[in-house]
Full PDB file with SEQRES, HELIX, SHEET, SSBOND, CRYST1, ORIGX, SCALE, CONECT and MASTER records, all heavy atoms in Angstrom:
SEQRES   1 A   43  ILE LEU ASN ASP ASN ASP MET SER ILE SER GLU ASN VAL          
SEQRES   2 A   43  GLY GLY LEU ASN ARG HIS LEU ALA LYS ILE LEU ALA SER          
SEQRES   3 A   43  GLN THR TYR THR ASN PHE ARG GLU ASN SER LYS LYS MET          
SEQRES   4 A   43  LEU SER GLY PHE                                              
HELIX    1 AA1 GLY A   15  ARG A   18  1                                   4    
HELIX    2 AA2 HIS A   19  ILE A   23  3                                   5    
HELIX    3 AA3 GLN A   27  MET A   39  1                                  13    
CRYST1    1.000    1.000    1.000  90.00  90.00  90.00 P 1           1          
ORIGX1      1.000000  0.000000  0.000000        0.00000                         
ORIGX2      0.000000  1.000000  0.000000        0.00000                         
ORIGX3      0.000000  0.000000  1.000000        0.00000                         
SCALE1      1.000000  0.000000  0.000000        0.00000                         
SCALE2      0.000000  1.000000  0.000000        0.00000                         
SCALE3      0.000000  0.000000  1.000000        0.00000                         
ATOM      1  N   ILE A   1      -2.761  10.358  -9.157  1.00  0.00           N  
ATOM      2  CA  ILE A   1      -2.600   8.900  -9.157  1.00  0.00           C  
ATOM      3  C   ILE A   1      -1.127   8.593  -8.978  1.00  0.00           C  
ATOM      4  O   ILE A   1      -0.284   8.980  -9.796  1.00  0.00           O  
ATOM      5  CB  ILE A   1      -3.125   8.285 -10.463  1.00  0.00           C  
ATOM      6  CG1 ILE A   1      -4.637   8.501 -10.572  1.00  0.00           C  
ATOM      7  CG2 ILE A   1      -2.792   6.792 -10.530  1.00  0.00           C  
ATOM      8  CD1 ILE A   1      -5.249   7.950 -11.849  1.00  0.00           C  
ATOM      9  N   LEU A   2      -0.823   7.909  -7.895  1.00  0.00           N  
ATOM     10  CA  LEU A   2       0.547   7.472  -7.636  1.00  0.00           C  
ATOM     11  C   LEU A   2       0.739   6.106  -8.277  1.00  0.00           C  
ATOM     12  O   LEU A   2       0.236   5.092  -7.789  1.00  0.00           O  
ATOM     13  CB  LEU A   2       0.805   7.403  -6.132  1.00  0.00           C  
ATOM     14  CG  LEU A   2       2.156   6.833  -5.692  1.00  0.00           C  
ATOM     15  CD1 LEU A   2       3.307   7.611  -6.314  1.00  0.00           C  
ATOM     16  CD2 LEU A   2       2.264   6.827  -4.177  1.00  0.00           C  
ATOM     17  N   ASN A   3       1.445   6.093  -9.403  1.00  0.00           N  
ATOM     18  CA  ASN A   3       1.730   4.846 -10.110  1.00  0.00           C  
ATOM     19  C   ASN A   3       2.961   4.210  -9.479  1.00  0.00           C  
ATOM     20  O   ASN A   3       4.092   4.615  -9.744  1.00  0.00           O  
ATOM     21  CB  ASN A   3       1.956   5.131 -11.597  1.00  0.00           C  
ATOM     22  CG  ASN A   3       2.401   3.891 -12.345  1.00  0.00           C  
ATOM     23  OD1 ASN A   3       2.002   2.776 -12.018  1.00  0.00           O  
ATOM     24  ND2 ASN A   3       3.242   4.072 -13.347  1.00  0.00           N  
ATOM     25  N   ASP A   4       2.748   3.236  -8.655  1.00  0.00           N  
ATOM     26  CA  ASP A   4       3.807   2.645  -7.831  1.00  0.00           C  
ATOM     27  C   ASP A   4       4.264   1.328  -8.435  1.00  0.00           C  
ATOM     28  O   ASP A   4       3.619   0.304  -8.295  1.00  0.00           O  
ATOM     29  CB  ASP A   4       3.263   2.426  -6.413  1.00  0.00           C  
ATOM     30  CG  ASP A   4       4.309   1.929  -5.442  1.00  0.00           C  
ATOM     31  OD1 ASP A   4       5.455   1.707  -5.870  1.00  0.00           O  
ATOM     32  OD2 ASP A   4       3.971   1.751  -4.255  1.00  0.00           O  
ATOM     33  N   ASN A   5       5.394   1.381  -9.150  1.00  0.00           N  
ATOM     34  CA  ASN A   5       5.966   0.143  -9.698  1.00  0.00           C  
ATOM     35  C   ASN A   5       7.335  -0.154  -9.118  1.00  0.00           C  
ATOM     36  O   ASN A   5       8.082  -0.974  -9.637  1.00  0.00           O  
ATOM     37  CB  ASN A   5       6.045   0.202 -11.231  1.00  0.00           C  
ATOM     38  CG  ASN A   5       6.862   1.381 -11.730  1.00  0.00           C  
ATOM     39  OD1 ASN A   5       7.738   1.893 -11.046  1.00  0.00           O  
ATOM     40  ND2 ASN A   5       6.581   1.815 -12.948  1.00  0.00           N  
ATOM     41  N   ASP A   6       7.678   0.577  -8.031  1.00  0.00           N  
ATOM     42  CA  ASP A   6       8.958   0.392  -7.343  1.00  0.00           C  
ATOM     43  C   ASP A   6      10.130   0.672  -8.272  1.00  0.00           C  
ATOM     44  O   ASP A   6      11.210   0.129  -8.112  1.00  0.00           O  
ATOM     45  CB  ASP A   6       9.082  -1.016  -6.759  1.00  0.00           C  
ATOM     46  CG  ASP A   6      10.106  -1.070  -5.625  1.00  0.00           C  
ATOM     47  OD1 ASP A   6      10.311  -0.028  -4.984  1.00  0.00           O  
ATOM     48  OD2 ASP A   6      10.690  -2.136  -5.399  1.00  0.00           O  
ATOM     49  N   MET A   7       9.903   1.483  -9.299  1.00  0.00           N  
ATOM     50  CA  MET A   7      10.962   1.780 -10.261  1.00  0.00           C  
ATOM     51  C   MET A   7      10.808   3.216 -10.749  1.00  0.00           C  
ATOM     52  O   MET A   7       9.714   3.726 -10.846  1.00  0.00           O  
ATOM     53  CB  MET A   7      10.860   0.873 -11.503  1.00  0.00           C  
ATOM     54  CG  MET A   7      11.188  -0.568 -11.262  1.00  0.00           C  
ATOM     55  SD  MET A   7      12.927  -0.826 -10.958  1.00  0.00           S  
ATOM     56  CE  MET A   7      13.614  -0.222 -12.494  1.00  0.00           C  
ATOM     57  N   SER A   8      11.932   3.868 -11.046  1.00  0.00           N  
ATOM     58  CA  SER A   8      11.898   5.052 -11.914  1.00  0.00           C  
ATOM     59  C   SER A   8      12.632   4.622 -13.169  1.00  0.00           C  
ATOM     60  O   SER A   8      12.159   3.803 -13.924  1.00  0.00           O  
ATOM     61  CB  SER A   8      12.546   6.266 -11.230  1.00  0.00           C  
ATOM     62  OG  SER A   8      13.832   5.972 -10.734  1.00  0.00           O  
ATOM     63  N   ILE A   9      13.823   5.125 -13.438  1.00  0.00           N  
ATOM     64  CA  ILE A   9      14.660   4.544 -14.487  1.00  0.00           C  
ATOM     65  C   ILE A   9      15.627   3.589 -13.820  1.00  0.00           C  
ATOM     66  O   ILE A   9      15.730   2.420 -14.158  1.00  0.00           O  
ATOM     67  CB  ILE A   9      15.402   5.643 -15.269  1.00  0.00           C  
ATOM     68  CG1 ILE A   9      14.394   6.520 -16.019  1.00  0.00           C  
ATOM     69  CG2 ILE A   9      16.371   5.017 -16.273  1.00  0.00           C  
ATOM     70  CD1 ILE A   9      15.018   7.693 -16.720  1.00  0.00           C  
ATOM     71  N   SER A  10      16.326   4.095 -12.809  1.00  0.00           N  
ATOM     72  CA  SER A  10      17.092   3.216 -11.944  1.00  0.00           C  
ATOM     73  C   SER A  10      16.180   2.758 -10.817  1.00  0.00           C  
ATOM     74  O   SER A  10      15.043   3.211 -10.698  1.00  0.00           O  
ATOM     75  CB  SER A  10      18.296   3.968 -11.376  1.00  0.00           C  
ATOM     76  OG  SER A  10      19.171   4.380 -12.397  1.00  0.00           O  
ATOM     77  N   GLU A  11      16.667   1.874  -9.985  1.00  0.00           N  
ATOM     78  CA  GLU A  11      15.885   1.442  -8.839  1.00  0.00           C  
ATOM     79  C   GLU A  11      15.677   2.630  -7.918  1.00  0.00           C  
ATOM     80  O   GLU A  11      16.565   3.444  -7.700  1.00  0.00           O  
ATOM     81  CB  GLU A  11      16.623   0.330  -8.089  1.00  0.00           C  
ATOM     82  CG  GLU A  11      16.774  -0.947  -8.903  1.00  0.00           C  
ATOM     83  CD  GLU A  11      17.632  -1.966  -8.187  1.00  0.00           C  
ATOM     84  OE1 GLU A  11      17.974  -1.720  -7.018  1.00  0.00           O  
ATOM     85  OE2 GLU A  11      17.955  -2.985  -8.794  1.00  0.00           O  
ATOM     86  N   ASN A  12      14.464   2.746  -7.371  1.00  0.00           N  
ATOM     87  CA  ASN A  12      14.175   3.859  -6.488  1.00  0.00           C  
ATOM     88  C   ASN A  12      14.881   3.700  -5.158  1.00  0.00           C  
ATOM     89  O   ASN A  12      15.178   2.600  -4.710  1.00  0.00           O  
ATOM     90  CB  ASN A  12      12.669   3.970  -6.246  1.00  0.00           C  
ATOM     91  CG  ASN A  12      11.969   4.569  -7.442  1.00  0.00           C  
ATOM     92  OD1 ASN A  12      12.524   5.397  -8.129  1.00  0.00           O  
ATOM     93  ND2 ASN A  12      10.755   4.142  -7.688  1.00  0.00           N  
ATOM     94  N   VAL A  13      15.123   4.833  -4.528  1.00  0.00           N  
ATOM     95  CA  VAL A  13      15.743   4.831  -3.214  1.00  0.00           C  
ATOM     96  C   VAL A  13      14.923   5.718  -2.304  1.00  0.00           C  
ATOM     97  O   VAL A  13      14.128   6.531  -2.743  1.00  0.00           O  
ATOM     98  CB  VAL A  13      17.196   5.357  -3.279  1.00  0.00           C  
ATOM     99  CG1 VAL A  13      18.049   4.436  -4.114  1.00  0.00           C  
ATOM    100  CG2 VAL A  13      17.244   6.772  -3.826  1.00  0.00           C  
ATOM    101  N   GLY A  14      15.126   5.551  -0.998  1.00  0.00           N  
ATOM    102  CA  GLY A  14      14.493   6.427  -0.030  1.00  0.00           C  
ATOM    103  C   GLY A  14      13.439   5.741   0.795  1.00  0.00           C  
ATOM    104  O   GLY A  14      12.798   4.778   0.379  1.00  0.00           O  
ATOM    105  N   GLY A  15      13.271   6.251   2.019  1.00  0.00           N  
ATOM    106  CA  GLY A  15      12.332   5.648   2.952  1.00  0.00           C  
ATOM    107  C   GLY A  15      10.904   5.699   2.472  1.00  0.00           C  
ATOM    108  O   GLY A  15      10.146   4.745   2.625  1.00  0.00           O  
ATOM    109  N   LEU A  16      10.493   6.814   1.867  1.00  0.00           N  
ATOM    110  CA  LEU A  16       9.116   6.924   1.384  1.00  0.00           C  
ATOM    111  C   LEU A  16       8.821   5.844   0.367  1.00  0.00           C  
ATOM    112  O   LEU A  16       7.802   5.159   0.432  1.00  0.00           O  
ATOM    113  CB  LEU A  16       8.900   8.305   0.754  1.00  0.00           C  
ATOM    114  CG  LEU A  16       7.565   8.491   0.036  1.00  0.00           C  
ATOM    115  CD1 LEU A  16       6.420   8.367   1.029  1.00  0.00           C  
ATOM    116  CD2 LEU A  16       7.517   9.839  -0.669  1.00  0.00           C  
ATOM    117  N   ASN A  17       9.732   5.669  -0.580  1.00  0.00           N  
ATOM    118  CA  ASN A  17       9.512   4.666  -1.617  1.00  0.00           C  
ATOM    119  C   ASN A  17       9.390   3.267  -1.033  1.00  0.00           C  
ATOM    120  O   ASN A  17       8.546   2.481  -1.422  1.00  0.00           O  
ATOM    121  CB  ASN A  17      10.647   4.719  -2.634  1.00  0.00           C  
ATOM    122  CG  ASN A  17      10.594   3.549  -3.588  1.00  0.00           C  
ATOM    123  OD1 ASN A  17      11.311   2.574  -3.400  1.00  0.00           O  
ATOM    124  ND2 ASN A  17       9.738   3.633  -4.574  1.00  0.00           N  
ATOM    125  N   ARG A  18      10.277   2.939  -0.089  1.00  0.00           N  
ATOM    126  CA  ARG A  18      10.238   1.589   0.503  1.00  0.00           C  
ATOM    127  C   ARG A  18       8.895   1.332   1.177  1.00  0.00           C  
ATOM    128  O   ARG A  18       8.312   0.260   1.050  1.00  0.00           O  
ATOM    129  CB  ARG A  18      11.383   1.442   1.507  1.00  0.00           C  
ATOM    130  CG  ARG A  18      12.752   1.279   0.862  1.00  0.00           C  
ATOM    131  CD  ARG A  18      13.763   0.761   1.852  1.00  0.00           C  
ATOM    132  NE  ARG A  18      13.962   1.686   2.956  1.00  0.00           N  
ATOM    133  CZ  ARG A  18      14.848   2.678   2.961  1.00  0.00           C  
ATOM    134  NH1 ARG A  18      15.581   2.908   1.887  1.00  0.00           N  
ATOM    135  NH2 ARG A  18      14.975   3.462   4.006  1.00  0.00           N  
ATOM    136  N   HIS A  19       8.391   2.323   1.905  1.00  0.00           N  
ATOM    137  CA  HIS A  19       7.099   2.141   2.576  1.00  0.00           C  
ATOM    138  C   HIS A  19       5.959   2.029   1.580  1.00  0.00           C  
ATOM    139  O   HIS A  19       5.083   1.172   1.706  1.00  0.00           O  
ATOM    140  CB  HIS A  19       6.846   3.296   3.542  1.00  0.00           C  
ATOM    141  CG  HIS A  19       7.636   3.203   4.806  1.00  0.00           C  
ATOM    142  ND1 HIS A  19       7.452   2.204   5.721  1.00  0.00           N  
ATOM    143  CD2 HIS A  19       8.633   3.972   5.287  1.00  0.00           C  
ATOM    144  CE1 HIS A  19       8.281   2.366   6.740  1.00  0.00           C  
ATOM    145  NE2 HIS A  19       9.021   3.437   6.489  1.00  0.00           N  
ATOM    146  N   LEU A  20       5.970   2.899   0.584  1.00  0.00           N  
ATOM    147  CA  LEU A  20       4.892   2.865  -0.405  1.00  0.00           C  
ATOM    148  C   LEU A  20       4.816   1.518  -1.098  1.00  0.00           C  
ATOM    149  O   LEU A  20       3.744   0.954  -1.282  1.00  0.00           O  
ATOM    150  CB  LEU A  20       5.102   3.968  -1.444  1.00  0.00           C  
ATOM    151  CG  LEU A  20       4.769   5.389  -1.005  1.00  0.00           C  
ATOM    152  CD1 LEU A  20       5.149   6.356  -2.110  1.00  0.00           C  
ATOM    153  CD2 LEU A  20       3.315   5.533  -0.645  1.00  0.00           C  
ATOM    154  N   ALA A  21       5.971   1.008  -1.482  1.00  0.00           N  
ATOM    155  CA  ALA A  21       5.996  -0.216  -2.282  1.00  0.00           C  
ATOM    156  C   ALA A  21       5.777  -1.473  -1.460  1.00  0.00           C  
ATOM    157  O   ALA A  21       5.224  -2.433  -1.948  1.00  0.00           O  
ATOM    158  CB  ALA A  21       7.321  -0.316  -3.034  1.00  0.00           C  
ATOM    159  N   LYS A  22       6.217  -1.462  -0.215  1.00  0.00           N  
ATOM    160  CA  LYS A  22       6.199  -2.699   0.566  1.00  0.00           C  
ATOM    161  C   LYS A  22       5.084  -2.739   1.604  1.00  0.00           C  
ATOM    162  O   LYS A  22       4.318  -3.696   1.669  1.00  0.00           O  
ATOM    163  CB  LYS A  22       7.565  -2.881   1.238  1.00  0.00           C  
ATOM    164  CG  LYS A  22       8.690  -3.083   0.213  1.00  0.00           C  
ATOM    165  CD  LYS A  22      10.044  -3.219   0.891  1.00  0.00           C  
ATOM    166  CE  LYS A  22      11.151  -3.393  -0.151  1.00  0.00           C  
ATOM    167  NZ  LYS A  22      12.493  -3.468   0.454  1.00  0.00           N  
ATOM    168  N   ILE A  23       4.982  -1.702   2.425  1.00  0.00           N  
ATOM    169  CA  ILE A  23       3.996  -1.753   3.505  1.00  0.00           C  
ATOM    170  C   ILE A  23       2.580  -1.580   2.978  1.00  0.00           C  
ATOM    171  O   ILE A  23       1.692  -2.376   3.260  1.00  0.00           O  
ATOM    172  CB  ILE A  23       4.307  -0.688   4.565  1.00  0.00           C  
ATOM    173  CG1 ILE A  23       5.678  -0.975   5.195  1.00  0.00           C  
ATOM    174  CG2 ILE A  23       3.231  -0.672   5.638  1.00  0.00           C  
ATOM    175  CD1 ILE A  23       6.113   0.073   6.192  1.00  0.00           C  
ATOM    176  N   LEU A  24       2.378  -0.539   2.160  1.00  0.00           N  
ATOM    177  CA  LEU A  24       1.023  -0.285   1.678  1.00  0.00           C  
ATOM    178  C   LEU A  24       0.522  -1.406   0.782  1.00  0.00           C  
ATOM    179  O   LEU A  24      -0.674  -1.633   0.680  1.00  0.00           O  
ATOM    180  CB  LEU A  24       0.972   1.037   0.930  1.00  0.00           C  
ATOM    181  CG  LEU A  24       0.977   2.288   1.816  1.00  0.00           C  
ATOM    182  CD1 LEU A  24       1.004   3.528   0.950  1.00  0.00           C  
ATOM    183  CD2 LEU A  24      -0.215   2.310   2.739  1.00  0.00           C  
ATOM    184  N   ALA A  25       1.442  -2.090   0.118  1.00  0.00           N  
ATOM    185  CA  ALA A  25       1.040  -3.175  -0.772  1.00  0.00           C  
ATOM    186  C   ALA A  25       0.991  -4.520  -0.048  1.00  0.00           C  
ATOM    187  O   ALA A  25       0.705  -5.535  -0.663  1.00  0.00           O  
ATOM    188  CB  ALA A  25       2.000  -3.266  -1.958  1.00  0.00           C  
ATOM    189  N   SER A  26       1.279  -4.513   1.238  1.00  0.00           N  
ATOM    190  CA  SER A  26       1.309  -5.779   1.962  1.00  0.00           C  
ATOM    191  C   SER A  26      -0.096  -6.348   2.105  1.00  0.00           C  
ATOM    192  O   SER A  26      -1.086  -5.609   2.206  1.00  0.00           O  
ATOM    193  CB  SER A  26       1.918  -5.588   3.353  1.00  0.00           C  
ATOM    194  OG  SER A  26       1.050  -4.833   4.175  1.00  0.00           O  
ATOM    195  N   GLN A  27      -0.168  -7.667   2.151  1.00  0.00           N  
ATOM    196  CA  GLN A  27      -1.468  -8.321   2.254  1.00  0.00           C  
ATOM    197  C   GLN A  27      -2.128  -8.022   3.592  1.00  0.00           C  
ATOM    198  O   GLN A  27      -3.351  -7.886   3.685  1.00  0.00           O  
ATOM    199  CB  GLN A  27      -1.293  -9.839   2.088  1.00  0.00           C  
ATOM    200  CG  GLN A  27      -2.603 -10.580   1.874  1.00  0.00           C  
ATOM    201  CD  GLN A  27      -3.317 -10.128   0.614  1.00  0.00           C  
ATOM    202  OE1 GLN A  27      -2.693 -10.038  -0.433  1.00  0.00           O  
ATOM    203  NE2 GLN A  27      -4.601  -9.825   0.709  1.00  0.00           N  
ATOM    204  N   THR A  28      -1.329  -7.861   4.629  1.00  0.00           N  
ATOM    205  CA  THR A  28      -1.884  -7.596   5.962  1.00  0.00           C  
ATOM    206  C   THR A  28      -2.663  -6.297   5.973  1.00  0.00           C  
ATOM    207  O   THR A  28      -3.804  -6.223   6.427  1.00  0.00           O  
ATOM    208  CB  THR A  28      -0.747  -7.529   7.003  1.00  0.00           C  
ATOM    209  OG1 THR A  28      -0.051  -8.766   6.984  1.00  0.00           O  
ATOM    210  CG2 THR A  28      -1.305  -7.270   8.396  1.00  0.00           C  
ATOM    211  N   TYR A  29      -2.032  -5.246   5.441  1.00  0.00           N  
ATOM    212  CA  TYR A  29      -2.691  -3.951   5.440  1.00  0.00           C  
ATOM    213  C   TYR A  29      -3.891  -3.942   4.498  1.00  0.00           C  
ATOM    214  O   TYR A  29      -4.958  -3.403   4.813  1.00  0.00           O  
ATOM    215  CB  TYR A  29      -1.706  -2.855   5.047  1.00  0.00           C  
ATOM    216  CG  TYR A  29      -2.347  -1.484   5.002  1.00  0.00           C  
ATOM    217  CD1 TYR A  29      -2.871  -0.904   6.148  1.00  0.00           C  
ATOM    218  CD2 TYR A  29      -2.442  -0.791   3.796  1.00  0.00           C  
ATOM    219  CE1 TYR A  29      -3.464   0.335   6.108  1.00  0.00           C  
ATOM    220  CE2 TYR A  29      -3.046   0.456   3.755  1.00  0.00           C  
ATOM    221  CZ  TYR A  29      -3.555   1.009   4.913  1.00  0.00           C  
ATOM    222  OH  TYR A  29      -4.147   2.232   4.868  1.00  0.00           O  
ATOM    223  N   THR A  30      -3.753  -4.577   3.349  1.00  0.00           N  
ATOM    224  CA  THR A  30      -4.857  -4.631   2.387  1.00  0.00           C  
ATOM    225  C   THR A  30      -6.052  -5.363   2.987  1.00  0.00           C  
ATOM    226  O   THR A  30      -7.198  -4.920   2.879  1.00  0.00           O  
ATOM    227  CB  THR A  30      -4.405  -5.335   1.099  1.00  0.00           C  
ATOM    228  OG1 THR A  30      -3.269  -4.650   0.569  1.00  0.00           O  
ATOM    229  CG2 THR A  30      -5.512  -5.333   0.063  1.00  0.00           C  
ATOM    230  N   ASN A  31      -5.787  -6.494   3.621  1.00  0.00           N  
ATOM    231  CA  ASN A  31      -6.870  -7.249   4.257  1.00  0.00           C  
ATOM    232  C   ASN A  31      -7.552  -6.435   5.348  1.00  0.00           C  
ATOM    233  O   ASN A  31      -8.770  -6.459   5.496  1.00  0.00           O  
ATOM    234  CB  ASN A  31      -6.329  -8.552   4.851  1.00  0.00           C  
ATOM    235  CG  ASN A  31      -5.944  -9.553   3.775  1.00  0.00           C  
ATOM    236  OD1 ASN A  31      -6.348  -9.422   2.624  1.00  0.00           O  
ATOM    237  ND2 ASN A  31      -5.150 -10.546   4.134  1.00  0.00           N  
ATOM    238  N   PHE A  32      -6.741  -5.694   6.101  1.00  0.00           N  
ATOM    239  CA  PHE A  32      -7.323  -4.881   7.169  1.00  0.00           C  
ATOM    240  C   PHE A  32      -8.296  -3.852   6.599  1.00  0.00           C  
ATOM    241  O   PHE A  32      -9.409  -3.680   7.093  1.00  0.00           O  
ATOM    242  CB  PHE A  32      -6.210  -4.184   7.965  1.00  0.00           C  
ATOM    243  CG  PHE A  32      -6.745  -3.241   9.011  1.00  0.00           C  
ATOM    244  CD1 PHE A  32      -7.150  -3.718  10.244  1.00  0.00           C  
ATOM    245  CD2 PHE A  32      -6.876  -1.876   8.745  1.00  0.00           C  
ATOM    246  CE1 PHE A  32      -7.662  -2.856  11.202  1.00  0.00           C  
ATOM    247  CE2 PHE A  32      -7.379  -1.021   9.685  1.00  0.00           C  
ATOM    248  CZ  PHE A  32      -7.769  -1.505  10.925  1.00  0.00           C  
ATOM    249  N   ARG A  33      -7.869  -3.192   5.540  1.00  0.00           N  
ATOM    250  CA  ARG A  33      -8.735  -2.171   4.941  1.00  0.00           C  
ATOM    251  C   ARG A  33     -10.021  -2.783   4.398  1.00  0.00           C  
ATOM    252  O   ARG A  33     -11.112  -2.248   4.582  1.00  0.00           O  
ATOM    253  CB  ARG A  33      -7.995  -1.437   3.825  1.00  0.00           C  
ATOM    254  CG  ARG A  33      -7.030  -0.378   4.300  1.00  0.00           C  
ATOM    255  CD  ARG A  33      -6.532   0.457   3.149  1.00  0.00           C  
ATOM    256  NE  ARG A  33      -7.595   1.262   2.551  1.00  0.00           N  
ATOM    257  CZ  ARG A  33      -7.847   2.518   2.885  1.00  0.00           C  
ATOM    258  NH1 ARG A  33      -7.127   3.111   3.802  1.00  0.00           N  
ATOM    259  NH2 ARG A  33      -8.817   3.190   2.299  1.00  0.00           N  
ATOM    260  N   GLU A  34      -9.880  -3.921   3.704  1.00  0.00           N  
ATOM    261  CA  GLU A  34     -11.061  -4.551   3.112  1.00  0.00           C  
ATOM    262  C   GLU A  34     -12.026  -5.009   4.190  1.00  0.00           C  
ATOM    263  O   GLU A  34     -13.243  -4.828   4.079  1.00  0.00           O  
ATOM    264  CB  GLU A  34     -10.637  -5.716   2.216  1.00  0.00           C  
ATOM    265  CG  GLU A  34      -9.883  -5.290   0.966  1.00  0.00           C  
ATOM    266  CD  GLU A  34     -10.658  -4.283   0.153  1.00  0.00           C  
ATOM    267  OE1 GLU A  34     -11.861  -4.510  -0.081  1.00  0.00           O  
ATOM    268  OE2 GLU A  34     -10.068  -3.258  -0.232  1.00  0.00           O  
ATOM    269  N   ASN A  35     -11.516  -5.631   5.232  1.00  0.00           N  
ATOM    270  CA  ASN A  35     -12.394  -6.085   6.327  1.00  0.00           C  
ATOM    271  C   ASN A  35     -13.054  -4.903   7.026  1.00  0.00           C  
ATOM    272  O   ASN A  35     -14.218  -4.964   7.429  1.00  0.00           O  
ATOM    273  CB  ASN A  35     -11.582  -6.908   7.337  1.00  0.00           C  
ATOM    274  CG  ASN A  35     -11.136  -8.233   6.755  1.00  0.00           C  
ATOM    275  OD1 ASN A  35     -11.760  -8.750   5.829  1.00  0.00           O  
ATOM    276  ND2 ASN A  35     -10.054  -8.789   7.277  1.00  0.00           N  
ATOM    277  N   SER A  36     -12.287  -3.816   7.143  1.00  0.00           N  
ATOM    278  CA  SER A  36     -12.852  -2.632   7.785  1.00  0.00           C  
ATOM    279  C   SER A  36     -14.028  -2.087   6.995  1.00  0.00           C  
ATOM    280  O   SER A  36     -15.058  -1.728   7.554  1.00  0.00           O  
ATOM    281  CB  SER A  36     -11.768  -1.548   7.928  1.00  0.00           C  
ATOM    282  OG  SER A  36     -10.720  -1.996   8.757  1.00  0.00           O  
ATOM    283  N   LYS A  37     -13.873  -2.039   5.666  1.00  0.00           N  
ATOM    284  CA  LYS A  37     -14.937  -1.506   4.821  1.00  0.00           C  
ATOM    285  C   LYS A  37     -16.213  -2.334   4.962  1.00  0.00           C  
ATOM    286  O   LYS A  37     -17.317  -1.800   4.975  1.00  0.00           O  
ATOM    287  CB  LYS A  37     -14.487  -1.485   3.366  1.00  0.00           C  
ATOM    288  CG  LYS A  37     -13.422  -0.433   3.073  1.00  0.00           C  
ATOM    289  CD  LYS A  37     -12.927  -0.538   1.641  1.00  0.00           C  
ATOM    290  CE  LYS A  37     -11.828   0.464   1.358  1.00  0.00           C  
ATOM    291  NZ  LYS A  37     -11.285   0.308  -0.002  1.00  0.00           N  
ATOM    292  N   LYS A  38     -16.050  -3.659   5.044  1.00  0.00           N  
ATOM    293  CA  LYS A  38     -17.222  -4.523   5.172  1.00  0.00           C  
ATOM    294  C   LYS A  38     -17.933  -4.278   6.496  1.00  0.00           C  
ATOM    295  O   LYS A  38     -19.154  -4.268   6.571  1.00  0.00           O  
ATOM    296  CB  LYS A  38     -16.794  -5.986   5.067  1.00  0.00           C  
ATOM    297  CG  LYS A  38     -16.280  -6.381   3.683  1.00  0.00           C  
ATOM    298  CD  LYS A  38     -15.783  -7.814   3.668  1.00  0.00           C  
ATOM    299  CE  LYS A  38     -15.224  -8.187   2.292  1.00  0.00           C  
ATOM    300  NZ  LYS A  38     -14.677  -9.561   2.281  1.00  0.00           N  
ATOM    301  N   MET A  39     -17.141  -4.063   7.540  1.00  0.00           N  
ATOM    302  CA  MET A  39     -17.733  -3.895   8.864  1.00  0.00           C  
ATOM    303  C   MET A  39     -18.286  -2.487   9.079  1.00  0.00           C  
ATOM    304  O   MET A  39     -19.108  -2.263   9.958  1.00  0.00           O  
ATOM    305  CB  MET A  39     -16.692  -4.220   9.940  1.00  0.00           C  
ATOM    306  CG  MET A  39     -16.228  -5.681   9.907  1.00  0.00           C  
ATOM    307  SD  MET A  39     -14.999  -6.052  11.172  1.00  0.00           S  
ATOM    308  CE  MET A  39     -15.994  -5.902  12.644  1.00  0.00           C  
ATOM    309  N   LEU A  40     -17.833  -1.537   8.268  1.00  0.00           N  
ATOM    310  CA  LEU A  40     -18.279  -0.154   8.465  1.00  0.00           C  
ATOM    311  C   LEU A  40     -19.772   0.028   8.204  1.00  0.00           C  
ATOM    312  O   LEU A  40     -20.355   1.031   8.592  1.00  0.00           O  
ATOM    313  CB  LEU A  40     -17.476   0.793   7.562  1.00  0.00           C  
ATOM    314  CG  LEU A  40     -16.051   1.081   8.029  1.00  0.00           C  
ATOM    315  CD1 LEU A  40     -15.331   1.945   6.995  1.00  0.00           C  
ATOM    316  CD2 LEU A  40     -16.034   1.770   9.381  1.00  0.00           C  
ATOM    317  N   SER A  41     -20.355  -0.934   7.505  1.00  0.00           N  
ATOM    318  CA  SER A  41     -21.792  -0.833   7.231  1.00  0.00           C  
ATOM    319  C   SER A  41     -22.633  -1.245   8.435  1.00  0.00           C  
ATOM    320  O   SER A  41     -23.839  -1.132   8.425  1.00  0.00           O  
ATOM    321  CB  SER A  41     -22.149  -1.722   6.029  1.00  0.00           C  
ATOM    322  OG  SER A  41     -21.798  -3.069   6.305  1.00  0.00           O  
ATOM    323  N   GLY A  42     -21.963  -1.672   9.501  1.00  0.00           N  
ATOM    324  CA  GLY A  42     -22.668  -2.125  10.697  1.00  0.00           C  
ATOM    325  C   GLY A  42     -22.979  -1.000  11.661  1.00  0.00           C  
ATOM    326  O   GLY A  42     -23.250   0.125  11.275  1.00  0.00           O  
ATOM    327  N   PHE A  43     -22.900  -1.319  12.990  1.00  0.00           N  
ATOM    328  CA  PHE A  43     -23.305  -0.371  14.018  1.00  0.00           C  
ATOM    329  C   PHE A  43     -22.347   0.816  14.094  1.00  0.00           C  
ATOM    330  O   PHE A  43     -21.154   0.696  13.862  1.00  0.00           O  
ATOM    331  CB  PHE A  43     -23.367  -1.077  15.384  1.00  0.00           C  
ATOM    332  CG  PHE A  43     -24.368  -2.189  15.405  1.00  0.00           C  
ATOM    333  CD1 PHE A  43     -23.957  -3.508  15.320  1.00  0.00           C  
ATOM    334  CD2 PHE A  43     -25.723  -1.914  15.483  1.00  0.00           C  
ATOM    335  CE1 PHE A  43     -24.887  -4.536  15.336  1.00  0.00           C  
ATOM    336  CE2 PHE A  43     -26.651  -2.937  15.487  1.00  0.00           C  
ATOM    337  CZ  PHE A  43     -26.244  -4.251  15.410  1.00  0.00           C  
TER     338      PHE A  43                                                      
MASTER        0    0    0    3    0    0    0    6  337    1    0    4          
END                                                                             
């Protein structure tokens, strides 16, 4: 389980952290995944 709070003790640094915290948590990507799951039950 990746507990992503965008923090360690100090502020996190690094490209991986920025993507994990910002892109994966973005509403656009979340909506895409949710809509995909709903449509996957189709043809």
